[in-house]
Amino acid sequence: MIPACIDSRLVRALVLSGMAAAAFAACAPASADWMPSQPIRIVVPYPAGGGADIVVRRVAERAKDRLGQPIIVENRPGAGTAIGAMAVQNAAPDGHTLLLATSTTLSVNPNLQRRLTYAPEKFVPVAGLQSLPFMLNVGKSSPVKSLDDLRAYALAHPGQVNYGTLGLGSSNHVLGGLLGQRAAPGVVPVHYQSAGQAILALMRGDIHVYFDGISTSIPRIAAGDLRGLAVTSKQRVAAAPGIPTVAEAGYPELGLTIWYGLVAPAGTPEQAVRKLNAVFNSVLKQPDIAETMAADGTQPLVLSPEQFAELIRGDTAVWGDAIRRLDIKLD
C-alpha cells in the first residue's frame, strides 16, 4: 500500500523513471512547514571550479537564506560520478543531504555500465537546475566551417580525422560516435582526462573537432580561439545566434543535451522534497540567475519533482538508444 502522505502523481513519475523505491519510504508527519534543522550538504561529483560546481554554488548561496541553514558544497569527484553518488545514496534520508546529479549519473551510466556501484532507483528527484547543450567546435585555423564541410573533409582524409573525448563512454565520446556514423565517417576518438586538456589540444591542432559544453565554448568562440559549427539544442542559443543547431545543419541525430539537478536519498520525506523544490525553483526564477545562464547559452530547469522524474526517464531512453547503436559497453 502506498503511504497516504505520498502524492500519487509523484509516485507515478517515480515509477516511470525507475525510482519507485523513494515513493514507498516511511513518511514523517505531514507538514507544509518543513525546514532543515541542520546545515544542508550538496555533494558535487566533479572537481571544484567546473561548470557543475559553479552553478551549484551560485544557487546554494541564494537558497541558504530561504532555508535558514548554511549549505555546504562538498566536491567528491571520480569514477564517472559514482563516488559522489555512493556517498549520497548511503546518507540519512532526512532532507539534509543532496547530490548534484547529471545526465551522466542517472541517464548515461545506467545504460553504459554493467556493474554500477550505485542504484538510480535509490534516489528521489528534488529539483532541476540547468539544461546544457553541446557546441561542436573546430580550431580557428581549421578549413572546416560547417558540418557539411566536416563530412567532405573526413571523406577526403579517411581515418585521419579525430575528435576529443573525456574518456570511454563519456557524453562527448557518444556524440563523437554518432558524428562518425554520418557527418564524419571514420572519425577516430582521442581520450583526455579533462575538458581543459581537450580544448588545448583542439586549439593546438592536435585534434580536429570536439563537443564542448556551451558555457565554456562561447567565450573561446568570442575570443576567436575556436569556431563553432553547430549547437546540439533544439533552438539556437541567444548567446551565439549565428551558429545553427545540428538539426538545421542536417544532422538531427546529434541533438543530445545534458542537465544538472538535485536528488536526495530514497526515503527522504515528501514534505522535505517539496520544500527544497520550492526554494530552489524560487532561486532559479530570479532574473539575474536566468540572465547569467542565458549568457552562458544554458537554461534554468524550473521543474516539479514529477517533471524532473519524467525528464530523467526520457533522457535515459534517448542516451540508451545512442549507446546501443554505437555498441559502447563498460564492465
Protein backbone atom coordinates (compact mmCIF):
# COMPACT_ATOMS: atom_id res chain seq x y z
CA MET A 1 0.00 0.00 0.00
CA ILE A 2 1.23 3.49 -0.81
CA PRO A 3 1.57 5.68 2.30
CA ALA A 4 -1.11 8.36 2.40
CA CYS A 5 1.49 11.10 2.69
CA ILE A 6 2.92 10.32 -0.75
CA ASP A 7 1.41 12.30 -3.59
CA SER A 8 0.09 9.86 -6.22
CA ARG A 9 1.47 11.99 -9.07
CA LEU A 10 4.96 11.78 -7.60
CA VAL A 11 4.65 8.00 -7.25
CA ARG A 12 3.64 7.65 -10.88
CA ALA A 13 6.52 9.79 -12.09
CA LEU A 14 8.98 7.93 -9.90
CA VAL A 15 7.77 4.58 -11.17
CA LEU A 16 8.09 5.74 -14.77
CA SER A 17 11.63 6.96 -14.12
CA GLY A 18 12.69 3.74 -12.34
CA MET A 19 12.88 5.47 -8.96
CA ALA A 20 9.92 3.75 -7.32
CA ALA A 21 11.66 2.93 -4.05
CA ALA A 22 11.51 6.51 -2.85
CA ALA A 23 7.74 6.62 -3.16
CA PHE A 24 7.28 3.82 -0.65
CA ALA A 25 9.58 5.17 2.04
CA ALA A 26 8.29 5.71 5.53
CA CYS A 27 6.84 9.19 5.85
CA ALA A 28 7.41 11.69 8.58
CA PRO A 29 4.30 13.50 9.87
CA ALA A 30 2.88 15.68 7.12
CA SER A 31 3.87 19.31 7.41
CA ALA A 32 3.79 22.13 4.93
CA ASP A 33 6.33 23.93 7.08
CA TRP A 34 9.26 21.51 6.91
CA MET A 35 12.55 23.30 7.38
CA PRO A 36 16.05 21.88 7.72
CA SER A 37 17.27 21.52 11.29
CA GLN A 38 20.98 21.49 10.40
CA PRO A 39 23.27 22.52 7.51
CA ILE A 40 22.45 21.01 4.14
CA ARG A 41 25.21 19.20 2.29
CA ILE A 42 25.27 19.11 -1.52
CA VAL A 43 27.72 16.55 -2.89
CA VAL A 44 29.13 17.51 -6.28
CA PRO A 45 30.71 14.51 -8.07
CA TYR A 46 33.08 16.76 -10.02
CA PRO A 47 36.19 18.81 -9.14
CA ALA A 48 35.81 22.31 -7.75
CA GLY A 49 35.75 25.11 -10.30
CA GLY A 50 33.98 23.26 -13.12
CA GLY A 51 30.67 24.25 -14.67
CA ALA A 52 28.59 22.00 -12.42
CA ASP A 53 30.35 23.21 -9.30
CA ILE A 54 29.92 26.86 -10.24
CA VAL A 55 26.17 26.65 -10.85
CA VAL A 56 25.55 24.74 -7.62
CA ARG A 57 27.47 27.24 -5.53
CA ARG A 58 25.70 30.15 -7.19
CA VAL A 59 22.26 28.70 -6.48
CA ALA A 60 23.15 27.43 -3.00
CA GLU A 61 24.28 30.90 -1.96
CA ARG A 62 20.77 32.22 -2.65
CA ALA A 63 18.91 29.21 -1.26
CA LYS A 64 20.56 29.19 2.17
CA ASP A 65 18.73 32.31 3.36
CA ARG A 66 15.37 30.85 2.36
CA LEU A 67 16.14 27.63 4.22
CA GLY A 68 17.62 29.24 7.30
CA GLN A 69 20.65 26.97 7.28
CA PRO A 70 24.10 27.01 5.66
CA ILE A 71 24.54 24.93 2.52
CA ILE A 72 27.86 23.14 2.31
CA VAL A 73 29.07 22.15 -1.16
CA GLU A 74 31.34 19.11 -0.99
CA ASN A 75 33.32 18.03 -4.06
CA ARG A 76 33.75 14.27 -4.33
CA PRO A 77 34.90 13.62 -7.92
CA GLY A 78 35.86 10.35 -9.52
CA ALA A 79 34.66 7.09 -11.08
CA GLY A 80 32.30 8.78 -13.51
CA THR A 81 30.33 10.46 -10.66
CA ALA A 82 29.99 7.13 -8.78
CA ILE A 83 31.99 8.23 -5.73
CA GLY A 84 29.70 11.17 -5.04
CA ALA A 85 26.59 9.16 -5.87
CA MET A 86 27.52 6.43 -3.40
CA ALA A 87 28.12 8.99 -0.66
CA VAL A 88 24.60 10.37 -1.02
CA GLN A 89 22.91 7.02 -1.62
CA ASN A 90 24.17 5.87 1.77
CA ALA A 91 23.35 9.13 3.61
CA ALA A 92 20.46 9.58 6.01
CA PRO A 93 17.24 10.27 4.02
CA ASP A 94 16.22 13.31 6.05
CA GLY A 95 16.45 16.15 3.53
CA HIS A 96 19.87 17.34 4.68
CA THR A 97 22.00 15.59 2.03
CA LEU A 98 21.61 16.12 -1.71
CA LEU A 99 23.52 15.02 -4.80
CA LEU A 100 24.20 17.16 -7.81
CA ALA A 101 23.07 14.55 -10.33
CA THR A 102 23.69 14.89 -14.05
CA SER A 103 22.72 13.06 -17.20
CA THR A 104 25.92 11.08 -16.71
CA THR A 105 24.86 9.85 -13.27
CA LEU A 106 21.25 8.85 -13.92
CA SER A 107 20.84 8.56 -17.71
CA VAL A 108 24.18 7.62 -19.30
CA ASN A 109 25.90 5.37 -16.74
CA PRO A 110 22.91 3.04 -16.20
CA ASN A 111 22.92 2.34 -19.95
CA LEU A 112 26.67 2.06 -20.17
CA GLN A 113 27.97 0.23 -17.13
CA ARG A 114 27.13 -3.36 -16.37
CA ARG A 115 28.18 -3.09 -12.75
CA LEU A 116 27.10 0.26 -11.33
CA THR A 117 28.27 0.80 -7.76
CA TYR A 118 25.16 2.86 -7.02
CA ALA A 119 21.50 2.29 -7.86
CA PRO A 120 19.49 5.01 -9.69
CA GLU A 121 16.29 3.81 -8.01
CA LYS A 122 17.75 4.72 -4.63
CA PHE A 123 17.42 8.44 -5.34
CA VAL A 124 14.38 10.70 -5.42
CA PRO A 125 14.27 13.74 -7.75
CA VAL A 126 14.22 17.04 -5.88
CA ALA A 127 14.80 19.92 -8.31
CA GLY A 128 16.23 20.62 -11.73
CA LEU A 129 18.97 23.22 -12.06
CA GLN A 130 20.28 23.68 -15.58
CA SER A 131 19.98 22.36 -19.14
CA LEU A 132 23.17 22.44 -21.19
CA PRO A 133 23.64 21.79 -24.90
CA PHE A 134 27.00 21.00 -26.50
CA MET A 135 28.82 23.01 -29.12
CA LEU A 136 30.76 21.21 -31.84
CA ASN A 137 33.97 23.19 -32.23
CA VAL A 138 36.99 23.27 -34.52
CA GLY A 139 40.20 25.26 -34.14
CA LYS A 140 40.41 28.77 -35.57
CA SER A 141 42.77 27.67 -38.35
CA SER A 142 40.66 24.72 -39.44
CA PRO A 143 39.39 24.81 -43.04
CA VAL A 144 36.10 23.29 -41.80
CA LYS A 145 33.31 25.84 -41.46
CA SER A 146 30.20 23.65 -41.34
CA LEU A 147 29.10 20.10 -40.69
CA ASP A 148 28.90 19.51 -44.43
CA ASP A 149 32.49 20.76 -44.72
CA LEU A 150 33.45 18.31 -41.98
CA ARG A 151 31.83 15.43 -43.83
CA ALA A 152 33.65 16.34 -47.05
CA TYR A 153 36.95 16.69 -45.20
CA ALA A 154 36.52 13.32 -43.45
CA LEU A 155 35.71 11.58 -46.74
CA ALA A 156 38.80 13.15 -48.35
CA HIS A 157 41.02 12.11 -45.40
CA PRO A 158 39.83 8.62 -44.43
CA GLY A 159 40.91 7.56 -40.94
CA GLN A 160 42.83 10.79 -40.38
CA VAL A 161 40.15 12.92 -38.68
CA ASN A 162 39.89 12.67 -34.89
CA TYR A 163 37.81 14.09 -32.07
CA GLY A 164 38.42 14.67 -28.37
CA THR A 165 36.56 12.89 -25.59
CA LEU A 166 36.65 12.80 -21.79
CA GLY A 167 37.03 9.06 -21.78
CA LEU A 168 35.32 5.91 -22.97
CA GLY A 169 31.57 6.26 -22.61
CA SER A 170 31.64 9.99 -21.83
CA SER A 171 28.88 12.13 -23.35
CA ASN A 172 31.23 13.65 -25.91
CA HIS A 173 32.51 10.17 -26.76
CA VAL A 174 28.92 9.14 -27.53
CA LEU A 175 28.35 12.29 -29.56
CA GLY A 176 31.58 11.71 -31.46
CA GLY A 177 30.48 8.18 -32.24
CA LEU A 178 27.21 9.50 -33.65
CA LEU A 179 29.21 12.06 -35.64
CA GLY A 180 31.19 9.21 -37.16
CA GLN A 181 28.09 7.38 -38.33
CA ARG A 182 27.18 10.02 -40.89
CA ALA A 183 28.65 13.51 -40.51
CA ALA A 184 32.31 12.45 -40.27
CA PRO A 185 32.77 8.85 -41.43
CA GLY A 186 35.81 7.14 -39.96
CA VAL A 187 36.43 9.78 -37.27
CA VAL A 188 38.78 8.49 -34.53
CA PRO A 189 38.40 9.22 -30.77
CA VAL A 190 41.26 10.63 -28.71
CA HIS A 191 40.65 10.41 -24.97
CA TYR A 192 41.66 13.11 -22.48
CA GLN A 193 41.44 13.35 -18.71
CA SER A 194 39.86 16.80 -18.63
CA ALA A 195 37.99 19.25 -20.82
CA GLY A 196 40.86 21.70 -20.42
CA GLN A 197 43.28 19.24 -22.00
CA ALA A 198 40.91 18.53 -24.87
CA ILE A 199 40.35 22.23 -25.56
CA LEU A 200 44.09 22.93 -25.61
CA ALA A 201 44.58 20.01 -27.98
CA LEU A 202 41.89 21.45 -30.26
CA MET A 203 43.44 24.91 -30.25
CA ARG A 204 46.90 23.42 -30.99
CA GLY A 205 45.50 21.38 -33.85
CA ASP A 206 46.21 18.01 -32.21
CA ILE A 207 42.57 17.04 -32.73
CA HIS A 208 40.14 18.19 -35.39
CA VAL A 209 36.81 18.56 -33.55
CA TYR A 210 35.46 18.49 -30.00
CA PHE A 211 31.98 18.59 -28.44
CA ASP A 212 32.39 21.00 -25.55
CA GLY A 213 29.84 22.33 -23.08
CA ILE A 214 28.35 25.50 -24.48
CA SER A 215 29.16 27.66 -21.46
CA THR A 216 32.90 27.14 -21.94
CA SER A 217 32.68 27.24 -25.74
CA ILE A 218 31.07 30.66 -26.08
CA PRO A 219 33.88 32.78 -24.59
CA ARG A 220 36.51 30.93 -26.64
CA ILE A 221 34.49 31.41 -29.81
CA ALA A 222 34.03 35.09 -28.98
CA ALA A 223 37.79 35.42 -28.43
CA GLY A 224 38.46 33.87 -31.83
CA ASP A 225 40.25 30.82 -30.44
CA LEU A 226 37.63 28.37 -31.71
CA ARG A 227 34.95 28.19 -34.37
CA GLY A 228 31.55 26.74 -33.51
CA LEU A 229 29.99 24.56 -36.19
CA ALA A 230 26.67 23.68 -34.54
CA VAL A 231 24.89 23.54 -31.21
CA THR A 232 23.02 20.44 -30.03
CA SER A 233 20.00 22.27 -28.57
CA LYS A 234 16.61 22.32 -30.29
CA GLN A 235 16.80 26.08 -30.83
CA ARG A 236 19.71 28.41 -31.46
CA VAL A 237 21.11 29.94 -28.32
CA ALA A 238 20.85 33.67 -27.76
CA ALA A 239 24.50 33.89 -26.74
CA ALA A 240 25.61 32.59 -30.16
CA PRO A 241 22.74 33.31 -32.57
CA GLY A 242 24.83 32.88 -35.71
CA ILE A 243 25.60 29.23 -35.03
CA PRO A 244 23.00 26.75 -36.34
CA THR A 245 21.52 23.83 -34.46
CA VAL A 246 22.58 20.35 -35.53
CA ALA A 247 19.07 19.83 -36.90
CA GLU A 248 19.32 22.98 -39.03
CA ALA A 249 22.66 21.72 -40.29
CA GLY A 250 21.00 18.47 -41.38
CA TYR A 251 22.18 16.16 -38.60
CA PRO A 252 19.35 15.90 -36.02
CA GLU A 253 20.77 12.66 -34.59
CA LEU A 254 23.39 14.80 -32.84
CA GLY A 255 20.76 16.67 -30.82
CA LEU A 256 21.73 15.42 -27.36
CA THR A 257 21.97 17.68 -24.32
CA ILE A 258 22.75 17.20 -20.65
CA TRP A 259 21.23 18.51 -17.42
CA TYR A 260 22.16 19.20 -13.82
CA GLY A 261 19.73 18.67 -10.97
CA LEU A 262 19.45 17.79 -7.31
CA VAL A 263 18.37 14.40 -5.97
CA ALA A 264 18.12 13.00 -2.45
CA PRO A 265 18.43 9.51 -0.93
CA ALA A 266 15.36 7.33 -1.38
CA GLY A 267 13.19 7.59 1.70
CA THR A 268 13.53 11.36 2.03
CA PRO A 269 10.14 12.64 3.28
CA GLU A 270 7.97 14.14 0.60
CA GLN A 271 7.44 17.34 2.57
CA ALA A 272 11.22 17.87 2.58
CA VAL A 273 11.37 17.23 -1.17
CA ARG A 274 8.54 19.70 -1.79
CA LYS A 275 10.10 22.40 0.37
CA LEU A 276 13.53 22.05 -1.22
CA ASN A 277 11.96 22.04 -4.69
CA ALA A 278 10.06 25.25 -3.97
CA VAL A 279 13.15 27.00 -2.62
CA PHE A 280 15.49 26.05 -5.45
CA ASN A 281 12.87 26.88 -8.06
CA SER A 282 12.40 30.32 -6.50
CA VAL A 283 16.13 30.94 -6.85
CA LEU A 284 16.18 29.82 -10.48
CA LYS A 285 13.34 32.23 -11.26
CA GLN A 286 15.35 35.24 -10.13
CA PRO A 287 16.06 37.43 -13.20
CA ASP A 288 19.80 37.71 -12.68
CA ILE A 289 20.20 33.92 -12.35
CA ALA A 290 18.24 33.36 -15.56
CA GLU A 291 20.22 36.10 -17.33
CA THR A 292 23.55 34.63 -16.23
CA MET A 293 22.56 31.22 -17.57
CA ALA A 294 21.31 32.72 -20.83
CA ALA A 295 24.65 34.48 -21.29
CA ASP A 296 26.30 31.06 -20.95
CA GLY A 297 23.97 29.54 -23.53
CA THR A 298 22.22 27.41 -20.89
CA GLN A 299 18.71 27.39 -19.41
CA PRO A 300 17.38 27.13 -15.85
CA LEU A 301 15.37 23.95 -15.25
CA VAL A 302 12.37 25.02 -13.18
CA LEU A 303 10.63 21.68 -12.67
CA SER A 304 8.39 19.94 -10.17
CA PRO A 305 9.71 16.62 -8.77
CA GLU A 306 7.32 14.83 -11.13
CA GLN A 307 8.56 16.76 -14.16
CA PHE A 308 12.16 16.12 -13.16
CA ALA A 309 11.44 12.39 -12.90
CA GLU A 310 9.92 12.47 -16.39
CA LEU A 311 13.00 14.27 -17.73
CA ILE A 312 15.26 11.58 -16.27
CA ARG A 313 13.11 8.83 -17.76
CA GLY A 314 13.10 10.39 -21.24
CA ASP A 315 16.78 11.27 -21.16
CA THR A 316 17.68 7.72 -20.12
CA ALA A 317 15.82 6.37 -23.15
CA VAL A 318 17.48 8.82 -25.57
CA TRP A 319 21.04 8.21 -24.35
CA GLY A 320 20.36 4.47 -24.09
CA ASP A 321 19.33 4.34 -27.73
CA ALA A 322 22.51 6.17 -28.81
CA ILE A 323 24.75 3.93 -26.69
CA ARG A 324 23.14 0.76 -28.06
CA ARG A 325 23.53 1.97 -31.64
CA LEU A 326 27.22 2.55 -31.01
CA ASP A 327 27.61 -0.70 -29.03
CA ILE A 328 29.61 1.04 -26.27
CA LYS A 329 29.94 -1.08 -23.13
CA LEU A 330 31.87 -0.74 -19.90
CA ASP A 331 32.42 -3.58 -17.45
